[in-house]
PDB file of N, CA and C in Angstrom:
ATOM      1  N   MET A   1      94.114 158.604  75.518  1.00  0.00           N
ATOM      2  CA  MET A   1      94.643 157.500  74.795  1.00  0.00           C
ATOM      3  C   MET A   1      94.481 156.212  75.584  1.00  0.00           C
ATOM      4  N   ARG A   2      94.739 156.309  76.912  1.00  0.00           N
ATOM      5  CA  ARG A   2      94.567 155.135  77.751  1.00  0.00           C
ATOM      6  C   ARG A   2      93.137 154.651  77.728  1.00  0.00           C
ATOM      7  N   THR A   3      92.208 155.569  77.735  1.00  0.00           N
ATOM      8  CA  THR A   3      90.793 155.210  77.735  1.00  0.00           C
ATOM      9  C   THR A   3      90.437 154.473  76.446  1.00  0.00           C
ATOM     10  N   THR A   4      90.956 154.930  75.326  1.00  0.00           N
ATOM     11  CA  THR A   4      90.676 154.296  74.051  1.00  0.00           C
ATOM     12  C   THR A   4      91.259 152.888  74.010  1.00  0.00           C
ATOM     13  N   ALA A   5      92.478 152.713  74.498  1.00  0.00           N
ATOM     14  CA  ALA A   5      93.107 151.396  74.513  1.00  0.00           C
ATOM     15  C   ALA A   5      92.362 150.460  75.457  1.00  0.00           C
ATOM     16  N   LEU A   6      91.915 150.982  76.572  1.00  0.00           N
ATOM     17  CA  LEU A   6      91.176 150.177  77.540  1.00  0.00           C
ATOM     18  C   LEU A   6      89.832 149.735  76.964  1.00  0.00           C
ATOM     19  N   ILE A   7      89.129 150.609  76.286  1.00  0.00           N
ATOM     20  CA  ILE A   7      87.842 150.286  75.683  1.00  0.00           C
ATOM     21  C   ILE A   7      88.041 149.263  74.568  1.00  0.00           C
ATOM     22  N   ALA A   8      89.100 149.431  73.764  1.00  0.00           N
ATOM     23  CA  ALA A   8      89.378 148.489  72.685  1.00  0.00           C
ATOM     24  C   ALA A   8      89.708 147.116  73.253  1.00  0.00           C
ATOM     25  N   SER A   9      90.478 147.074  74.314  1.00  0.00           N
ATOM     26  CA  SER A   9      90.839 145.797  74.944  1.00  0.00           C
ATOM     27  C   SER A   9      89.617 145.114  75.525  1.00  0.00           C
ATOM     28  N   LEU A  10      88.783 145.861  76.202  1.00  0.00           N
ATOM     29  CA  LEU A  10      87.568 145.288  76.779  1.00  0.00           C
ATOM     30  C   LEU A  10      86.623 144.789  75.692  1.00  0.00           C
ATOM     31  N   SER A  11      86.543 145.485  74.598  1.00  0.00           N
ATOM     32  CA  SER A  11      85.686 145.066  73.487  1.00  0.00           C
ATOM     33  C   SER A  11      86.191 143.752  72.897  1.00  0.00           C
ATOM     34  N   LEU A  12      87.523 143.643  72.739  1.00  0.00           N
ATOM     35  CA  LEU A  12      88.112 142.425  72.193  1.00  0.00           C
ATOM     36  C   LEU A  12      87.898 141.249  73.143  1.00  0.00           C
ATOM     37  N   VAL A  13      88.077 141.465  74.424  1.00  0.00           N
ATOM     38  CA  VAL A  13      87.852 140.413  75.410  1.00  0.00           C
ATOM     39  C   VAL A  13      86.380 140.025  75.418  1.00  0.00           C
ATOM     40  N   GLY A  14      85.512 140.993  75.312  1.00  0.00           N
ATOM     41  CA  GLY A  14      84.074 140.711  75.307  1.00  0.00           C
ATOM     42  C   GLY A  14      83.659 139.864  74.099  1.00  0.00           C
ATOM     43  N   VAL A  15      84.214 140.147  72.930  1.00  0.00           N
ATOM     44  CA  VAL A  15      83.877 139.407  71.724  1.00  0.00           C
ATOM     45  C   VAL A  15      84.414 137.985  71.812  1.00  0.00           C
ATOM     46  N   THR A  16      85.662 137.821  72.196  1.00  0.00           N
ATOM     47  CA  THR A  16      86.242 136.483  72.282  1.00  0.00           C
ATOM     48  C   THR A  16      85.660 135.705  73.443  1.00  0.00           C
ATOM     49  N   GLY A  17      85.237 136.388  74.483  1.00  0.00           N
ATOM     50  CA  GLY A  17      84.652 135.705  75.636  1.00  0.00           C
ATOM     51  C   GLY A  17      83.269 135.149  75.339  1.00  0.00           C
ATOM     52  N   CYS A  18      82.598 135.640  74.312  1.00  0.00           N
ATOM     53  CA  CYS A  18      81.266 135.164  73.964  1.00  0.00           C
ATOM     54  C   CYS A  18      81.309 133.880  73.153  1.00  0.00           C
ATOM     55  N   THR A  19      82.458 133.549  72.615  1.00  0.00           N
ATOM     56  CA  THR A  19      82.571 132.341  71.813  1.00  0.00           C
ATOM     57  C   THR A  19      82.675 131.155  72.749  1.00  0.00           C
ATOM     58  N   ASP A  20      81.833 130.150  72.526  1.00  0.00           N
ATOM     59  CA  ASP A  20      81.830 128.948  73.362  1.00  0.00           C
ATOM     60  C   ASP A  20      82.608 127.867  72.646  1.00  0.00           C
ATOM     61  N   TYR A  21      83.843 127.665  73.085  1.00  0.00           N
ATOM     62  CA  TYR A  21      84.710 126.696  72.431  1.00  0.00           C
ATOM     63  C   TYR A  21      84.365 125.254  72.799  1.00  0.00           C
ATOM     64  N   ASN A  22      83.504 125.059  73.779  1.00  0.00           N
ATOM     65  CA  ASN A  22      83.127 123.708  74.191  1.00  0.00           C
ATOM     66  C   ASN A  22      82.027 123.114  73.319  1.00  0.00           C
ATOM     67  N   GLN A  23      81.384 123.930  72.524  1.00  0.00           N
ATOM     68  CA  GLN A  23      80.320 123.460  71.646  1.00  0.00           C
ATOM     69  C   GLN A  23      80.928 122.965  70.339  1.00  0.00           C
ATOM     70  N   PRO A  24      80.474 121.806  69.843  1.00  0.00           N
ATOM     71  CA  PRO A  24      80.986 121.336  68.553  1.00  0.00           C
ATOM     72  C   PRO A  24      80.498 122.248  67.427  1.00  0.00           C
ATOM     73  N   ALA A  25      81.318 122.377  66.433  1.00  0.00           N
ATOM     74  CA  ALA A  25      80.949 123.210  65.289  1.00  0.00           C
ATOM     75  C   ALA A  25      79.793 122.554  64.540  1.00  0.00           C
ATOM     76  N   ASP A  26      78.943 123.362  63.966  1.00  0.00           N
ATOM     77  CA  ASP A  26      77.824 122.839  63.177  1.00  0.00           C
ATOM     78  C   ASP A  26      78.365 122.399  61.827  1.00  0.00           C
ATOM     79  N   ARG A  27      78.430 121.102  61.627  1.00  0.00           N
ATOM     80  CA  ARG A  27      78.968 120.556  60.389  1.00  0.00           C
ATOM     81  C   ARG A  27      77.924 119.711  59.674  1.00  0.00           C
ATOM     82  N   THR A  28      76.682 120.039  59.812  1.00  0.00           N
ATOM     83  CA  THR A  28      75.636 119.235  59.192  1.00  0.00           C
ATOM     84  C   THR A  28      75.756 119.206  57.684  1.00  0.00           C
ATOM     85  N   SER A  29      76.278 120.292  57.113  1.00  0.00           N
ATOM     86  CA  SER A  29      76.421 120.291  55.657  1.00  0.00           C
ATOM     87  C   SER A  29      77.631 119.478  55.213  1.00  0.00           C
ATOM     88  N   GLU A  30      78.545 119.146  56.148  1.00  0.00           N
ATOM     89  CA  GLU A  30      79.736 118.387  55.810  1.00  0.00           C
ATOM     90  C   GLU A  30      79.591 116.891  56.087  1.00  0.00           C
ATOM     91  N   VAL A  31      78.542 116.485  56.745  1.00  0.00           N
ATOM     92  CA  VAL A  31      78.380 115.087  57.129  1.00  0.00           C
ATOM     93  C   VAL A  31      77.984 114.271  55.907  1.00  0.00           C
ATOM     94  N   PRO A  32      78.749 113.225  55.594  1.00  0.00           N
ATOM     95  CA  PRO A  32      78.385 112.393  54.440  1.00  0.00           C
ATOM     96  C   PRO A  32      77.138 111.585  54.742  1.00  0.00           C
ATOM     97  N   PRO A  33      76.388 111.185  53.706  1.00  0.00           N
ATOM     98  CA  PRO A  33      75.191 110.385  53.937  1.00  0.00           C
ATOM     99  C   PRO A  33      75.580 109.042  54.540  1.00  0.00           C
ATOM    100  N   PRO A  34      74.665 108.404  55.274  1.00  0.00           N
ATOM    101  CA  PRO A  34      74.987 107.115  55.880  1.00  0.00           C
ATOM    102  C   PRO A  34      75.337 106.087  54.811  1.00  0.00           C
ATOM    103  N   ALA A  35      76.247 105.211  55.160  1.00  0.00           N
ATOM    104  CA  ALA A  35      76.662 104.171  54.215  1.00  0.00           C
ATOM    105  C   ALA A  35      75.493 103.250  53.924  1.00  0.00           C
ATOM    106  N   GLN A  36      75.338 102.910  52.654  1.00  0.00           N
ATOM    107  CA  GLN A  36      74.256 102.011  52.272  1.00  0.00           C
ATOM    108  C   GLN A  36      74.805 100.604  52.162  1.00  0.00           C
ATOM    109  N   THR A  37      74.071  99.668  52.713  1.00  0.00           N
ATOM    110  CA  THR A  37      74.506  98.286  52.639  1.00  0.00           C
ATOM    111  C   THR A  37      74.102  97.696  51.306  1.00  0.00           C
ATOM    112  N   ALA A  38      74.831  96.722  50.873  1.00  0.00           N
ATOM    113  CA  ALA A  38      74.520  96.058  49.607  1.00  0.00           C
ATOM    114  C   ALA A  38      73.216  95.294  49.750  1.00  0.00           C
ATOM    115  N   PRO A  39      72.344  95.359  48.748  1.00  0.00           N
ATOM    116  CA  PRO A  39      71.084  94.629  48.832  1.00  0.00           C
ATOM    117  C   PRO A  39      71.319  93.128  48.784  1.00  0.00           C
ATOM    118  N   ALA A  40      70.429  92.405  49.413  1.00  0.00           N
ATOM    119  CA  ALA A  40      70.531  90.948  49.429  1.00  0.00           C
ATOM    120  C   ALA A  40      70.226  90.388  48.043  1.00  0.00           C
ATOM    121  N   GLU A  41      70.887  89.333  47.705  1.00  0.00           N
ATOM    122  CA  GLU A  41      70.682  88.664  46.409  1.00  0.00           C
ATOM    123  C   GLU A  41      69.354  87.915  46.444  1.00  0.00           C
ATOM    124  N   THR A  42      68.522  88.160  45.474  1.00  0.00           N
ATOM    125  CA  THR A  42      67.285  87.413  45.348  1.00  0.00           C
ATOM    126  C   THR A  42      67.172  86.898  43.933  1.00  0.00           C
ATOM    127  N   ALA A  43      66.348  85.931  43.755  1.00  0.00           N
ATOM    128  CA  ALA A  43      66.263  85.273  42.447  1.00  0.00           C
ATOM    129  C   ALA A  43      64.998  85.656  41.711  1.00  0.00           C
ATOM    130  N   THR A  44      64.724  86.929  41.604  1.00  0.00           N
ATOM    131  CA  THR A  44      63.525  87.361  40.904  1.00  0.00           C
ATOM    132  C   THR A  44      63.864  88.478  39.929  1.00  0.00           C
ATOM    133  N   ALA A  45      62.929  88.732  39.049  1.00  0.00           N
ATOM    134  CA  ALA A  45      63.123  89.794  38.063  1.00  0.00           C
ATOM    135  C   ALA A  45      63.259  91.152  38.729  1.00  0.00           C
ATOM    136  N   GLY A  46      62.723  91.314  39.920  1.00  0.00           N
ATOM    137  CA  GLY A  46      62.798  92.588  40.620  1.00  0.00           C
ATOM    138  C   GLY A  46      63.990  92.686  41.539  1.00  0.00           C
ATOM    139  N   SER A  47      64.952  91.827  41.375  1.00  0.00           N
ATOM    140  CA  SER A  47      66.102  91.804  42.260  1.00  0.00           C
ATOM    141  C   SER A  47      66.882  93.095  42.199  1.00  0.00           C
ATOM    142  N   PRO A  48      67.109  93.733  43.367  1.00  0.00           N
ATOM    143  CA  PRO A  48      67.873  94.959  43.363  1.00  0.00           C
ATOM    144  C   PRO A  48      69.331  94.758  43.057  1.00  0.00           C
ATOM    145  N   SER A  49      69.835  93.511  43.118  1.00  0.00           N
ATOM    146  CA  SER A  49      71.241  93.274  42.844  1.00  0.00           C
ATOM    147  C   SER A  49      71.526  93.170  41.351  1.00  0.00           C
ATOM    148  N   MET A  50      70.523  93.080  40.532  1.00  0.00           N
ATOM    149  CA  MET A  50      70.718  93.034  39.086  1.00  0.00           C
ATOM    150  C   MET A  50      70.838  94.454  38.550  1.00  0.00           C
ATOM    151  N   THR A  51      71.584  94.587  37.452  1.00  0.00           N
ATOM    152  CA  THR A  51      71.651  95.888  36.795  1.00  0.00           C
ATOM    153  C   THR A  51      70.287  96.178  36.172  1.00  0.00           C
ATOM    154  N   GLU A  52      70.098  97.397  35.751  1.00  0.00           N
ATOM    155  CA  GLU A  52      68.823  97.773  35.133  1.00  0.00           C
ATOM    156  C   GLU A  52      68.566  96.945  33.871  1.00  0.00           C
ATOM    157  N   ALA A  53      69.620  96.721  33.081  1.00  0.00           N
ATOM    158  CA  ALA A  53      69.471  95.926  31.854  1.00  0.00           C
ATOM    159  C   ALA A  53      69.138  94.473  32.188  1.00  0.00           C
ATOM    160  N   ASP A  54      69.792  93.924  33.209  1.00  0.00           N
ATOM    161  CA  ASP A  54      69.510  92.549  33.620  1.00  0.00           C
ATOM    162  C   ASP A  54      68.081  92.421  34.141  1.00  0.00           C
ATOM    163  N   ARG A  55      67.661  93.399  34.913  1.00  0.00           N
ATOM    164  CA  ARG A  55      66.303  93.391  35.461  1.00  0.00           C
ATOM    165  C   ARG A  55      65.274  93.443  34.338  1.00  0.00           C
ATOM    166  N   ALA A  56      65.526  94.281  33.346  1.00  0.00           N
ATOM    167  CA  ALA A  56      64.602  94.402  32.216  1.00  0.00           C
ATOM    168  C   ALA A  56      64.546  93.090  31.428  1.00  0.00           C
ATOM    169  N   LEU A  57      65.697  92.447  31.240  1.00  0.00           N
ATOM    170  CA  LEU A  57      65.723  91.180  30.513  1.00  0.00           C
ATOM    171  C   LEU A  57      64.968  90.095  31.288  1.00  0.00           C
ATOM    172  N   ALA A  58      65.187  90.007  32.585  1.00  0.00           N
ATOM    173  CA  ALA A  58      64.484  89.019  33.400  1.00  0.00           C
ATOM    174  C   ALA A  58      62.970  89.257  33.362  1.00  0.00           C
ATOM    175  N   GLN A  59      62.570  90.509  33.388  1.00  0.00           N
ATOM    176  CA  GLN A  59      61.145  90.835  33.314  1.00  0.00           C
ATOM    177  C   GLN A  59      60.575  90.462  31.948  1.00  0.00           C
ATOM    178  N   SER A  60      61.353  90.664  30.893  1.00  0.00           N
ATOM    179  CA  SER A  60      60.889  90.291  29.546  1.00  0.00           C
ATOM    180  C   SER A  60      60.686  88.785  29.441  1.00  0.00           C
ATOM    181  N   VAL A  61      61.603  88.015  30.022  1.00  0.00           N
ATOM    182  CA  VAL A  61      61.466  86.553  29.998  1.00  0.00           C
ATOM    183  C   VAL A  61      60.237  86.141  30.809  1.00  0.00           C
ATOM    184  N   GLN A  62      60.081  86.707  31.997  1.00  0.00           N
ATOM    185  CA  GLN A  62      58.931  86.375  32.847  1.00  0.00           C
ATOM    186  C   GLN A  62      57.630  86.708  32.127  1.00  0.00           C
ATOM    187  N   GLN A  63      57.602  87.837  31.452  1.00  0.00           N
ATOM    188  CA  GLN A  63      56.408  88.255  30.716  1.00  0.00           C
ATOM    189  C   GLN A  63      56.123  87.305  29.553  1.00  0.00           C
ATOM    190  N   ALA A  64      57.156  86.907  28.830  1.00  0.00           N
ATOM    191  CA  ALA A  64      56.971  85.974  27.705  1.00  0.00           C
ATOM    192  C   ALA A  64      56.403  84.643  28.197  1.00  0.00           C
ATOM    193  N   LEU A  65      56.891  84.165  29.326  1.00  0.00           N
ATOM    194  CA  LEU A  65      56.379  82.912  29.889  1.00  0.00           C
ATOM    195  C   LEU A  65      54.931  83.063  30.338  1.00  0.00           C
ATOM    196  N   SER A  66      54.620  84.176  30.965  1.00  0.00           N
ATOM    197  CA  SER A  66      53.262  84.411  31.479  1.00  0.00           C
ATOM    198  C   SER A  66      52.240  84.598  30.370  1.00  0.00           C
ATOM    199  N   GLN A  67      52.676  85.117  29.224  1.00  0.00           N
ATOM    200  CA  GLN A  67      51.745  85.373  28.126  1.00  0.00           C
ATOM    201  C   GLN A  67      51.512  84.157  27.243  1.00  0.00           C
ATOM    202  N   ASP A  68      52.299  83.121  27.441  1.00  0.00           N
ATOM    203  CA  ASP A  68      52.098  81.892  26.676  1.00  0.00           C
ATOM    204  C   ASP A  68      51.056  81.053  27.421  1.00  0.00           C
ATOM    205  N   PRO A  69      49.875  80.814  26.820  1.00  0.00           N
ATOM    206  CA  PRO A  69      48.802  80.097  27.521  1.00  0.00           C
ATOM    207  C   PRO A  69      49.216  78.712  28.034  1.00  0.00           C
ATOM    208  N   SER A  70      50.110  78.044  27.326  1.00  0.00           N
ATOM    209  CA  SER A  70      50.519  76.703  27.753  1.00  0.00           C
ATOM    210  C   SER A  70      51.536  76.741  28.896  1.00  0.00           C
ATOM    211  N   LEU A  71      52.127  77.917  29.167  1.00  0.00           N
ATOM    212  CA  LEU A  71      53.147  78.035  30.207  1.00  0.00           C
ATOM    213  C   LEU A  71      52.766  78.979  31.341  1.00  0.00           C
ATOM    214  N   ALA A  72      51.643  79.665  31.193  1.00  0.00           N
ATOM    215  CA  ALA A  72      51.261  80.709  32.149  1.00  0.00           C
ATOM    216  C   ALA A  72      51.130  80.198  33.578  1.00  0.00           C
ATOM    217  N   THR A  73      50.565  79.021  33.755  1.00  0.00           N
ATOM    218  CA  THR A  73      50.396  78.485  35.113  1.00  0.00           C
ATOM    219  C   THR A  73      51.752  78.177  35.735  1.00  0.00           C
ATOM    220  N   ALA A  74      52.622  77.534  34.989  1.00  0.00           N
ATOM    221  CA  ALA A  74      53.959  77.201  35.495  1.00  0.00           C
ATOM    222  C   ALA A  74      54.786  78.460  35.737  1.00  0.00           C
ATOM    223  N   ALA A  75      54.584  79.488  34.932  1.00  0.00           N
ATOM    224  CA  ALA A  75      55.368  80.720  35.042  1.00  0.00           C
ATOM    225  C   ALA A  75      55.210  81.388  36.406  1.00  0.00           C
ATOM    226  N   GLN A  76      54.098  81.139  37.056  1.00  0.00           N
ATOM    227  CA  GLN A  76      53.844  81.754  38.362  1.00  0.00           C
ATOM    228  C   GLN A  76      54.811  81.250  39.431  1.00  0.00           C
ATOM    229  N   SER A  77      55.360  80.058  39.240  1.00  0.00           N
ATOM    230  CA  SER A  77      56.260  79.498  40.253  1.00  0.00           C
ATOM    231  C   SER A  77      57.714  79.461  39.788  1.00  0.00           C
ATOM    232  N   ILE A  78      58.028  80.222  38.759  1.00  0.00           N
ATOM    233  CA  ILE A  78      59.391  80.234  38.215  1.00  0.00           C
ATOM    234  C   ILE A  78      60.060  81.566  38.564  1.00  0.00           C
ATOM    235  N   GLN A  79      61.287  81.465  39.057  1.00  0.00           N
ATOM    236  CA  GLN A  79      62.091  82.645  39.338  1.00  0.00           C
ATOM    237  C   GLN A  79      63.071  82.816  38.174  1.00  0.00           C
ATOM    238  N   VAL A  80      63.203  84.052  37.732  1.00  0.00           N
ATOM    239  CA  VAL A  80      64.071  84.359  36.590  1.00  0.00           C
ATOM    240  C   VAL A  80      65.128  85.350  37.043  1.00  0.00           C
ATOM    241  N   ARG A  81      66.391  85.008  36.809  1.00  0.00           N
ATOM    242  CA  ARG A  81      67.512  85.913  37.051  1.00  0.00           C
ATOM    243  C   ARG A  81      68.228  86.122  35.730  1.00  0.00           C
ATOM    244  N   ALA A  82      68.830  87.282  35.581  1.00  0.00           N
ATOM    245  CA  ALA A  82      69.594  87.555  34.363  1.00  0.00           C
ATOM    246  C   ALA A  82      70.899  88.228  34.745  1.00  0.00           C
ATOM    247  N   ARG A  83      71.929  87.889  33.994  1.00  0.00           N
ATOM    248  CA  ARG A  83      73.223  88.547  34.180  1.00  0.00           C
ATOM    249  C   ARG A  83      73.962  88.537  32.852  1.00  0.00           C
ATOM    250  N   ASN A  84      74.149  89.722  32.313  1.00  0.00           N
ATOM    251  CA  ASN A  84      74.873  89.892  31.042  1.00  0.00           C
ATOM    252  C   ASN A  84      74.319  89.007  29.933  1.00  0.00           C
ATOM    253  N   GLY A  85      73.020  88.907  29.838  1.00  0.00           N
ATOM    254  CA  GLY A  85      72.379  88.133  28.773  1.00  0.00           C
ATOM    255  C   GLY A  85      72.107  86.685  29.124  1.00  0.00           C
ATOM    256  N   GLU A  86      72.735  86.182  30.182  1.00  0.00           N
ATOM    257  CA  GLU A  86      72.482  84.803  30.599  1.00  0.00           C
ATOM    258  C   GLU A  86      71.310  84.788  31.578  1.00  0.00           C
ATOM    259  N   VAL A  87      70.334  83.952  31.273  1.00  0.00           N
ATOM    260  CA  VAL A  87      69.123  83.852  32.088  1.00  0.00           C
ATOM    261  C   VAL A  87      69.154  82.536  32.855  1.00  0.00           C
ATOM    262  N   THR A  88      68.869  82.600  34.140  1.00  0.00           N
ATOM    263  CA  THR A  88      68.771  81.407  34.979  1.00  0.00           C
ATOM    264  C   THR A  88      67.324  81.232  35.396  1.00  0.00           C
ATOM    265  N   LEU A  89      66.802  80.034  35.176  1.00  0.00           N
ATOM    266  CA  LEU A  89      65.424  79.695  35.538  1.00  0.00           C
ATOM    267  C   LEU A  89      65.465  78.740  36.725  1.00  0.00           C
ATOM    268  N   GLN A  90      64.681  79.041  37.749  1.00  0.00           N
ATOM    269  CA  GLN A  90      64.599  78.182  38.926  1.00  0.00           C
ATOM    270  C   GLN A  90      63.149  78.028  39.328  1.00  0.00           C
ATOM    271  N   GLY A  91      62.833  76.858  39.890  1.00  0.00           N
ATOM    272  CA  GLY A  91      61.476  76.582  40.338  1.00  0.00           C
ATOM    273  C   GLY A  91      61.109  75.152  40.003  1.00  0.00           C
ATOM    274  N   SER A  92      59.839  74.861  40.144  1.00  0.00           N
ATOM    275  CA  SER A  92      59.339  73.510  39.883  1.00  0.00           C
ATOM    276  C   SER A  92      58.327  73.534  38.752  1.00  0.00           C
ATOM    277  N   VAL A  93      58.369  72.479  37.947  1.00  0.00           N
ATOM    278  CA  VAL A  93      57.407  72.307  36.858  1.00  0.00           C
ATOM    279  C   VAL A  93      56.850  70.894  36.936  1.00  0.00           C
ATOM    280  N   SER A  94      55.811  70.625  36.174  1.00  0.00           N
ATOM    281  CA  SER A  94      55.124  69.341  36.293  1.00  0.00           C
ATOM    282  C   SER A  94      55.641  68.255  35.355  1.00  0.00           C
ATOM    283  N   SER A  95      56.465  68.621  34.339  1.00  0.00           N
ATOM    284  CA  SER A  95      56.949  67.587  33.422  1.00  0.00           C
ATOM    285  C   SER A  95      58.243  68.026  32.750  1.00  0.00           C
ATOM    286  N   GLU A  96      58.953  67.048  32.205  1.00  0.00           N
ATOM    287  CA  GLU A  96      60.168  67.336  31.450  1.00  0.00           C
ATOM    288  C   GLU A  96      59.843  68.169  30.210  1.00  0.00           C
ATOM    289  N   GLN A  97      58.686  67.888  29.588  1.00  0.00           N
ATOM    290  CA  GLN A  97      58.278  68.642  28.401  1.00  0.00           C
ATOM    291  C   GLN A  97      58.047  70.111  28.751  1.00  0.00           C
ATOM    292  N   GLU A  98      57.399  70.358  29.882  1.00  0.00           N
ATOM    293  CA  GLU A  98      57.153  71.735  30.309  1.00  0.00           C
ATOM    294  C   GLU A  98      58.477  72.449  30.602  1.00  0.00           C
ATOM    295  N   LYS A  99      59.406  71.752  31.225  1.00  0.00           N
ATOM    296  CA  LYS A  99      60.735  72.312  31.489  1.00  0.00           C
ATOM    297  C   LYS A  99      61.420  72.699  30.174  1.00  0.00           C
ATOM    298  N   ALA A 100      61.384  71.812  29.201  1.00  0.00           N
ATOM    299  CA  ALA A 100      61.998  72.081  27.908  1.00  0.00           C
ATOM    300  C   ALA A 100      61.320  73.248  27.195  1.00  0.00           C
ATOM    301  N   ASN A 101      59.993  73.285  27.229  1.00  0.00           N
ATOM    302  CA  ASN A 101      59.243  74.367  26.566  1.00  0.00           C
ATOM    303  C   ASN A 101      59.560  75.727  27.183  1.00  0.00           C
ATOM    304  N   ILE A 102      59.694  75.759  28.493  1.00  0.00           N
ATOM    305  CA  ILE A 102      60.013  77.015  29.187  1.00  0.00           C
ATOM    306  C   ILE A 102      61.420  77.474  28.799  1.00  0.00           C
ATOM    307  N   GLY A 103      62.359  76.531  28.718  1.00  0.00           N
ATOM    308  CA  GLY A 103      63.719  76.873  28.298  1.00  0.00           C
ATOM    309  C   GLY A 103      63.764  77.423  26.890  1.00  0.00           C
ATOM    310  N   VAL A 104      63.007  76.798  25.983  1.00  0.00           N
ATOM    311  CA  VAL A 104      62.950  77.265  24.594  1.00  0.00           C
ATOM    312  C   VAL A 104      62.341  78.667  24.532  1.00  0.00           C
ATOM    313  N   LYS A 105      61.255  78.874  25.264  1.00  0.00           N
ATOM    314  CA  LYS A 105      60.582  80.180  25.260  1.00  0.00           C
ATOM    315  C   LYS A 105      61.519  81.268  25.791  1.00  0.00           C
ATOM    316  N   ALA A 106      62.256  80.957  26.846  1.00  0.00           N
ATOM    317  CA  ALA A 106      63.193  81.935  27.414  1.00  0.00           C
ATOM    318  C   ALA A 106      64.292  82.278  26.403  1.00  0.00           C
ATOM    319  N   GLN A 107      64.783  81.283  25.689  1.00  0.00           N
ATOM    320  CA  GLN A 107      65.850  81.505  24.712  1.00  0.00           C
ATOM    321  C   GLN A 107      65.381  82.393  23.558  1.00  0.00           C
ATOM    322  N   GLN A 108      64.095  82.402  23.276  1.00  0.00           N
ATOM    323  CA  GLN A 108      63.547  83.194  22.174  1.00  0.00           C
ATOM    324  C   GLN A 108      63.428  84.677  22.493  1.00  0.00           C
ATOM    325  N   VAL A 109      63.563  85.057  23.743  1.00  0.00           N
ATOM    326  CA  VAL A 109      63.425  86.468  24.128  1.00  0.00           C
ATOM    327  C   VAL A 109      64.657  87.237  23.659  1.00  0.00           C
ATOM    328  N   ALA A 110      64.414  88.374  23.040  1.00  0.00           N
ATOM    329  CA  ALA A 110      65.509  89.220  22.545  1.00  0.00           C
ATOM    330  C   ALA A 110      66.443  89.604  23.686  1.00  0.00           C
ATOM    331  N   GLY A 111      67.739  89.443  23.447  1.00  0.00           N
ATOM    332  CA  GLY A 111      68.730  89.800  24.456  1.00  0.00           C
ATOM    333  C   GLY A 111      69.263  88.618  25.241  1.00  0.00           C
ATOM    334  N   VAL A 112      68.562  87.480  25.191  1.00  0.00           N
ATOM    335  CA  VAL A 112      69.007  86.290  25.903  1.00  0.00           C
ATOM    336  C   VAL A 112      70.099  85.614  25.083  1.00  0.00           C
ATOM    337  N   THR A 113      71.266  85.424  25.693  1.00  0.00           N
ATOM    338  CA  THR A 113      72.380  84.777  25.003  1.00  0.00           C
ATOM    339  C   THR A 113      72.536  83.321  25.421  1.00  0.00           C
ATOM    340  N   ARG A 114      72.065  82.999  26.625  1.00  0.00           N
ATOM    341  CA  ARG A 114      72.187  81.635  27.145  1.00  0.00           C
ATOM    342  C   ARG A 114      71.128  81.425  28.204  1.00  0.00           C
ATOM    343  N   VAL A 115      70.601  80.190  28.277  1.00  0.00           N
ATOM    344  CA  VAL A 115      69.622  79.845  29.307  1.00  0.00           C
ATOM    345  C   VAL A 115      70.209  78.761  30.194  1.00  0.00           C
ATOM    346  N   ASN A 116      70.251  79.026  31.484  1.00  0.00           N
ATOM    347  CA  ASN A 116      70.675  78.053  32.485  1.00  0.00           C
ATOM    348  C   ASN A 116      69.380  77.528  33.124  1.00  0.00           C
ATOM    349  N   ASN A 117      68.895  76.412  32.606  1.00  0.00           N
ATOM    350  CA  ASN A 117      67.593  75.883  33.020  1.00  0.00           C
ATOM    351  C   ASN A 117      67.774  74.971  34.234  1.00  0.00           C
ATOM    352  N   GLN A 118      67.516  75.526  35.409  1.00  0.00           N
ATOM    353  CA  GLN A 118      67.634  74.773  36.661  1.00  0.00           C
ATOM    354  C   GLN A 118      66.266  74.340  37.187  1.00  0.00           C
ATOM    355  N   LEU A 119      65.269  74.335  36.333  1.00  0.00           N
ATOM    356  CA  LEU A 119      63.923  73.931  36.749  1.00  0.00           C
ATOM    357  C   LEU A 119      63.934  72.457  37.149  1.00  0.00           C
ATOM    358  N   GLU A 120      63.160  72.147  38.173  1.00  0.00           N
ATOM    359  CA  GLU A 120      63.063  70.777  38.646  1.00  0.00           C
ATOM    360  C   GLU A 120      61.663  70.242  38.372  1.00  0.00           C
ATOM    361  N   VAL A 121      61.608  69.006  37.913  1.00  0.00           N
ATOM    362  CA  VAL A 121      60.324  68.345  37.696  1.00  0.00           C
ATOM    363  C   VAL A 121      59.886  67.761  39.033  1.00  0.00           C
ATOM    364  N   THR A 122      58.683  68.121  39.448  1.00  0.00           N
ATOM    365  CA  THR A 122      58.195  67.633  40.746  1.00  0.00           C
ATOM    366  C   THR A 122      57.996  66.134  40.708  1.00  0.00           C
ATOM    367  N   SER A 123      58.266  65.464  41.804  1.00  0.00           N
ATOM    368  CA  SER A 123      58.205  64.001  41.861  1.00  0.00           C
ATOM    369  C   SER A 123      56.789  63.459  41.723  1.00  0.00           C
ATOM    370  N   ALA A 124      55.795  64.274  42.033  1.00  0.00           N
ATOM    371  CA  ALA A 124      54.414  63.806  41.943  1.00  0.00           C
ATOM    372  C   ALA A 124      53.982  63.549  40.512  1.00  0.00           C
ATOM    373  N   SER A 125      54.637  64.182  39.535  1.00  0.00           N
ATOM    374  CA  SER A 125      54.203  64.049  38.152  1.00  0.00           C
ATOM    375  C   SER A 125      55.124  63.156  37.318  1.00  0.00           C
ATOM    376  N   ARG A 126      56.144  62.559  37.925  1.00  0.00           N
ATOM    377  CA  ARG A 126      57.057  61.696  37.164  1.00  0.00           C
ATOM    378  C   ARG A 126      56.457  60.361  36.847  1.00  0.00           C
TER     379      ARG A 126
END
């Protein structure tokens, strides 16, 4: 009986003695993904800070401007932002008429509820 108890005790000590308590537990499956920082605000149709619907609306406005032959050249230097149906236009244009035409064209795009036309007429063409 003593031999059996001694063997059982040695076996228990041997099993517990093999465990290395100084090693950290493997918790790779419990580690949360790294925190993502908020994207920087940009004033383009591809802005990551816009919702998918806002991005699509801004792209539709940019496309409408680019496809109009009288506005296509100016459209290349115009930044379009959208938020909840409101479109903001920024950039430089060559005349007040071109600024007005771009605003009208943007307002005609489906989904646009308001146009904030911040386009500036360059001083060279005044």
